[in-house]
Amino acid sequence: MGKVTYVVEYEEGKEPPVYSDMEVAGGRLTAVMWSDYRDDHLLPEALDIIDEALTEITYDTIDIEVYNEIMNKLRLMTQ
């Protein structure tokens, strides 16, 4: 079974009712998050701190490709 994730923004107080197993666009609702998914994203400053820590602690012991992959995934968390 395929799953699709999408975000719909509503005016404050005009959100539709949501309930378990409701039909949405021809599919069945399986999860709801009552917050902005971006609330848990990293701030750019946090990314800089993590980058510094990885560079200082693991640069000599970690493969550069692994380091780059970690940083790419962390950058996605700041968008």
N, C-alpha and C. Protein backbone atom coordinates (compact mmCIF):
# COMPACT_ATOMS: atom_id res chain seq x y z
N MET A 1 0.84 -1.18 0.00
CA MET A 1 0.00 0.00 0.00
C MET A 1 0.89 1.24 0.00
N GLY A 2 0.62 2.17 -0.88
CA GLY A 2 1.41 3.40 -0.96
C GLY A 2 0.92 4.45 0.03
N LYS A 3 1.83 5.29 0.45
CA LYS A 3 1.50 6.39 1.37
C LYS A 3 2.01 7.68 0.76
N VAL A 4 1.25 8.76 0.95
CA VAL A 4 1.62 10.09 0.47
C VAL A 4 1.49 11.04 1.65
N THR A 5 2.47 11.90 1.82
CA THR A 5 2.41 12.90 2.88
C THR A 5 2.23 14.27 2.25
N TYR A 6 1.25 15.02 2.73
CA TYR A 6 1.11 16.39 2.27
C TYR A 6 0.63 17.26 3.42
N VAL A 7 0.88 18.54 3.30
CA VAL A 7 0.56 19.49 4.35
C VAL A 7 -0.42 20.51 3.78
N VAL A 8 -1.49 20.76 4.51
CA VAL A 8 -2.48 21.75 4.11
C VAL A 8 -2.58 22.78 5.22
N GLU A 9 -2.46 24.05 4.85
CA GLU A 9 -2.54 25.12 5.84
C GLU A 9 -3.95 25.71 5.82
N TYR A 10 -4.54 25.85 7.00
CA TYR A 10 -5.87 26.44 7.15
C TYR A 10 -5.76 27.70 7.99
N GLU A 11 -6.70 28.61 7.80
CA GLU A 11 -6.76 29.77 8.68
C GLU A 11 -7.04 29.29 10.09
N GLU A 12 -6.46 29.99 11.05
CA GLU A 12 -6.64 29.64 12.46
C GLU A 12 -8.14 29.55 12.78
N GLY A 13 -8.54 28.45 13.36
CA GLY A 13 -9.94 28.24 13.74
C GLY A 13 -10.81 27.68 12.64
N LYS A 14 -10.27 27.53 11.44
CA LYS A 14 -11.06 27.00 10.32
C LYS A 14 -10.59 25.61 9.89
N GLU A 15 -9.86 24.93 10.78
CA GLU A 15 -9.40 23.58 10.47
C GLU A 15 -10.61 22.64 10.44
N PRO A 16 -10.63 21.69 9.49
CA PRO A 16 -11.76 20.75 9.43
C PRO A 16 -11.66 19.71 10.54
N PRO A 17 -12.77 19.09 10.90
CA PRO A 17 -12.70 18.00 11.89
C PRO A 17 -11.93 16.82 11.29
N VAL A 18 -11.17 16.17 12.12
CA VAL A 18 -10.37 15.02 11.70
C VAL A 18 -10.65 13.88 12.65
N TYR A 19 -10.85 12.68 12.11
CA TYR A 19 -11.12 11.53 12.96
C TYR A 19 -10.44 10.29 12.38
N SER A 20 -10.30 9.29 13.21
CA SER A 20 -9.63 8.06 12.83
C SER A 20 -10.32 7.40 11.64
N ASP A 21 -9.54 6.90 10.72
CA ASP A 21 -10.02 6.16 9.55
C ASP A 21 -10.88 6.98 8.60
N MET A 22 -10.84 8.31 8.69
CA MET A 22 -11.65 9.10 7.76
C MET A 22 -11.06 9.00 6.35
N GLU A 23 -11.89 9.22 5.35
CA GLU A 23 -11.42 9.18 3.98
C GLU A 23 -10.91 10.57 3.59
N VAL A 24 -9.73 10.59 2.96
CA VAL A 24 -9.13 11.83 2.50
C VAL A 24 -8.65 11.61 1.07
N ALA A 25 -9.23 12.34 0.14
CA ALA A 25 -8.83 12.28 -1.27
C ALA A 25 -8.77 10.84 -1.79
N GLY A 26 -9.72 10.03 -1.39
CA GLY A 26 -9.79 8.65 -1.87
C GLY A 26 -8.95 7.66 -1.09
N GLY A 27 -8.27 8.13 -0.03
CA GLY A 27 -7.46 7.25 0.82
C GLY A 27 -7.99 7.27 2.25
N ARG A 28 -7.32 6.54 3.14
CA ARG A 28 -7.72 6.45 4.54
C ARG A 28 -6.68 7.15 5.40
N LEU A 29 -7.13 8.06 6.25
CA LEU A 29 -6.24 8.79 7.14
C LEU A 29 -5.63 7.84 8.17
N THR A 30 -4.31 7.86 8.29
CA THR A 30 -3.65 6.96 9.25
C THR A 30 -2.84 7.71 10.30
N ALA A 31 -2.60 9.01 10.10
CA ALA A 31 -1.82 9.78 11.08
C ALA A 31 -2.16 11.26 10.95
N VAL A 32 -2.12 11.95 12.08
CA VAL A 32 -2.36 13.39 12.13
C VAL A 32 -1.36 14.00 13.09
N MET A 33 -0.83 15.17 12.75
CA MET A 33 0.06 15.89 13.66
C MET A 33 -0.55 17.27 13.87
N TRP A 34 -0.81 17.62 15.12
CA TRP A 34 -1.47 18.88 15.43
C TRP A 34 -0.48 19.99 15.70
N SER A 35 0.53 20.09 14.86
CA SER A 35 1.51 21.16 14.99
C SER A 35 2.17 21.37 13.63
N ASP A 36 2.96 22.38 13.53
CA ASP A 36 3.70 22.64 12.30
C ASP A 36 4.89 21.70 12.26
N TYR A 37 5.01 20.90 11.22
CA TYR A 37 6.10 19.93 11.14
C TYR A 37 7.46 20.60 11.19
N ARG A 38 7.53 21.89 10.87
CA ARG A 38 8.81 22.59 10.88
C ARG A 38 9.24 23.02 12.28
N ASP A 39 8.35 22.88 13.26
CA ASP A 39 8.70 23.27 14.63
C ASP A 39 9.90 22.50 15.16
N ASP A 40 10.08 21.28 14.68
CA ASP A 40 11.18 20.44 15.17
C ASP A 40 12.42 20.54 14.30
N HIS A 41 12.42 21.42 13.32
CA HIS A 41 13.60 21.58 12.48
C HIS A 41 14.70 22.32 13.22
N LEU A 42 15.91 22.07 12.82
CA LEU A 42 17.05 22.73 13.42
C LEU A 42 17.17 24.16 12.93
N LEU A 43 17.64 25.03 13.78
CA LEU A 43 17.98 26.39 13.35
C LEU A 43 19.34 26.34 12.67
N PRO A 44 19.61 27.25 11.74
CA PRO A 44 20.92 27.25 11.07
C PRO A 44 22.08 27.30 12.06
N GLU A 45 21.90 27.98 13.19
CA GLU A 45 22.97 28.05 14.20
C GLU A 45 23.28 26.67 14.77
N ALA A 46 22.24 25.87 14.96
CA ALA A 46 22.45 24.51 15.48
C ALA A 46 23.22 23.67 14.47
N LEU A 47 22.93 23.86 13.20
CA LEU A 47 23.66 23.13 12.16
C LEU A 47 25.14 23.48 12.20
N ASP A 48 25.45 24.76 12.40
CA ASP A 48 26.85 25.18 12.50
C ASP A 48 27.55 24.52 13.67
N ILE A 49 26.86 24.43 14.81
CA ILE A 49 27.45 23.81 16.00
C ILE A 49 27.70 22.32 15.75
N ILE A 50 26.74 21.64 15.13
CA ILE A 50 26.90 20.21 14.84
C ILE A 50 28.04 20.01 13.85
N ASP A 51 28.11 20.86 12.84
CA ASP A 51 29.18 20.78 11.85
C ASP A 51 30.54 20.92 12.52
N GLU A 52 30.67 21.91 13.40
CA GLU A 52 31.93 22.11 14.13
C GLU A 52 32.29 20.89 14.96
N ALA A 53 31.31 20.36 15.67
CA ALA A 53 31.56 19.20 16.53
C ALA A 53 32.00 17.99 15.71
N LEU A 54 31.31 17.73 14.61
CA LEU A 54 31.70 16.60 13.76
C LEU A 54 33.08 16.79 13.17
N THR A 55 33.37 18.00 12.78
CA THR A 55 34.68 18.29 12.20
C THR A 55 35.78 18.06 13.22
N GLU A 56 35.59 18.57 14.43
CA GLU A 56 36.62 18.45 15.48
C GLU A 56 36.76 17.03 16.01
N ILE A 57 35.66 16.36 16.21
CA ILE A 57 35.69 15.06 16.88
C ILE A 57 35.97 13.91 15.93
N THR A 58 35.35 13.93 14.75
CA THR A 58 35.39 12.72 13.92
C THR A 58 36.04 12.88 12.56
N TYR A 59 36.47 14.05 12.21
CA TYR A 59 36.98 14.26 10.85
C TYR A 59 38.11 13.29 10.50
N ASP A 60 38.98 13.00 11.46
CA ASP A 60 40.09 12.09 11.19
C ASP A 60 39.68 10.62 11.20
N THR A 61 38.56 10.32 11.88
CA THR A 61 38.18 8.91 12.04
C THR A 61 37.00 8.50 11.18
N ILE A 62 36.33 9.44 10.53
CA ILE A 62 35.15 9.11 9.74
C ILE A 62 35.43 9.35 8.25
N ASP A 63 34.89 8.50 7.43
CA ASP A 63 35.02 8.64 5.98
C ASP A 63 34.36 9.95 5.56
N ILE A 64 34.99 10.70 4.69
CA ILE A 64 34.49 12.01 4.25
C ILE A 64 33.12 11.88 3.60
N GLU A 65 32.86 10.78 2.91
CA GLU A 65 31.54 10.57 2.30
C GLU A 65 30.47 10.41 3.37
N VAL A 66 30.79 9.73 4.45
CA VAL A 66 29.85 9.56 5.56
C VAL A 66 29.59 10.93 6.20
N TYR A 67 30.64 11.69 6.42
CA TYR A 67 30.51 13.04 6.99
C TYR A 67 29.61 13.90 6.10
N ASN A 68 29.84 13.88 4.79
CA ASN A 68 29.03 14.67 3.87
C ASN A 68 27.57 14.24 3.89
N GLU A 69 27.32 12.96 3.97
CA GLU A 69 25.95 12.45 4.01
C GLU A 69 25.24 12.91 5.29
N ILE A 70 25.95 12.84 6.42
CA ILE A 70 25.37 13.32 7.68
C ILE A 70 25.01 14.79 7.56
N MET A 71 25.93 15.59 7.04
CA MET A 71 25.68 17.03 6.93
C MET A 71 24.54 17.33 5.94
N ASN A 72 24.45 16.58 4.86
CA ASN A 72 23.35 16.78 3.92
C ASN A 72 22.00 16.51 4.58
N LYS A 73 21.93 15.46 5.36
CA LYS A 73 20.67 15.15 6.05
C LYS A 73 20.35 16.21 7.11
N LEU A 74 21.36 16.69 7.80
CA LEU A 74 21.12 17.73 8.79
C LEU A 74 20.67 19.03 8.12
N ARG A 75 21.21 19.34 6.95
CA ARG A 75 20.78 20.55 6.23
C ARG A 75 19.30 20.48 5.86
N LEU A 76 18.83 19.29 5.53
CA LEU A 76 17.40 19.14 5.22
C LEU A 76 16.54 19.48 6.43
N MET A 77 17.07 19.26 7.62
CA MET A 77 16.31 19.54 8.84
C MET A 77 16.25 21.02 9.17
N THR A 78 16.96 21.85 8.42
CA THR A 78 16.92 23.30 8.68
C THR A 78 16.01 24.01 7.68
N GLN A 79 15.52 23.32 6.71
CA GLN A 79 14.69 23.97 5.67
C GLN A 79 13.25 24.06 6.09
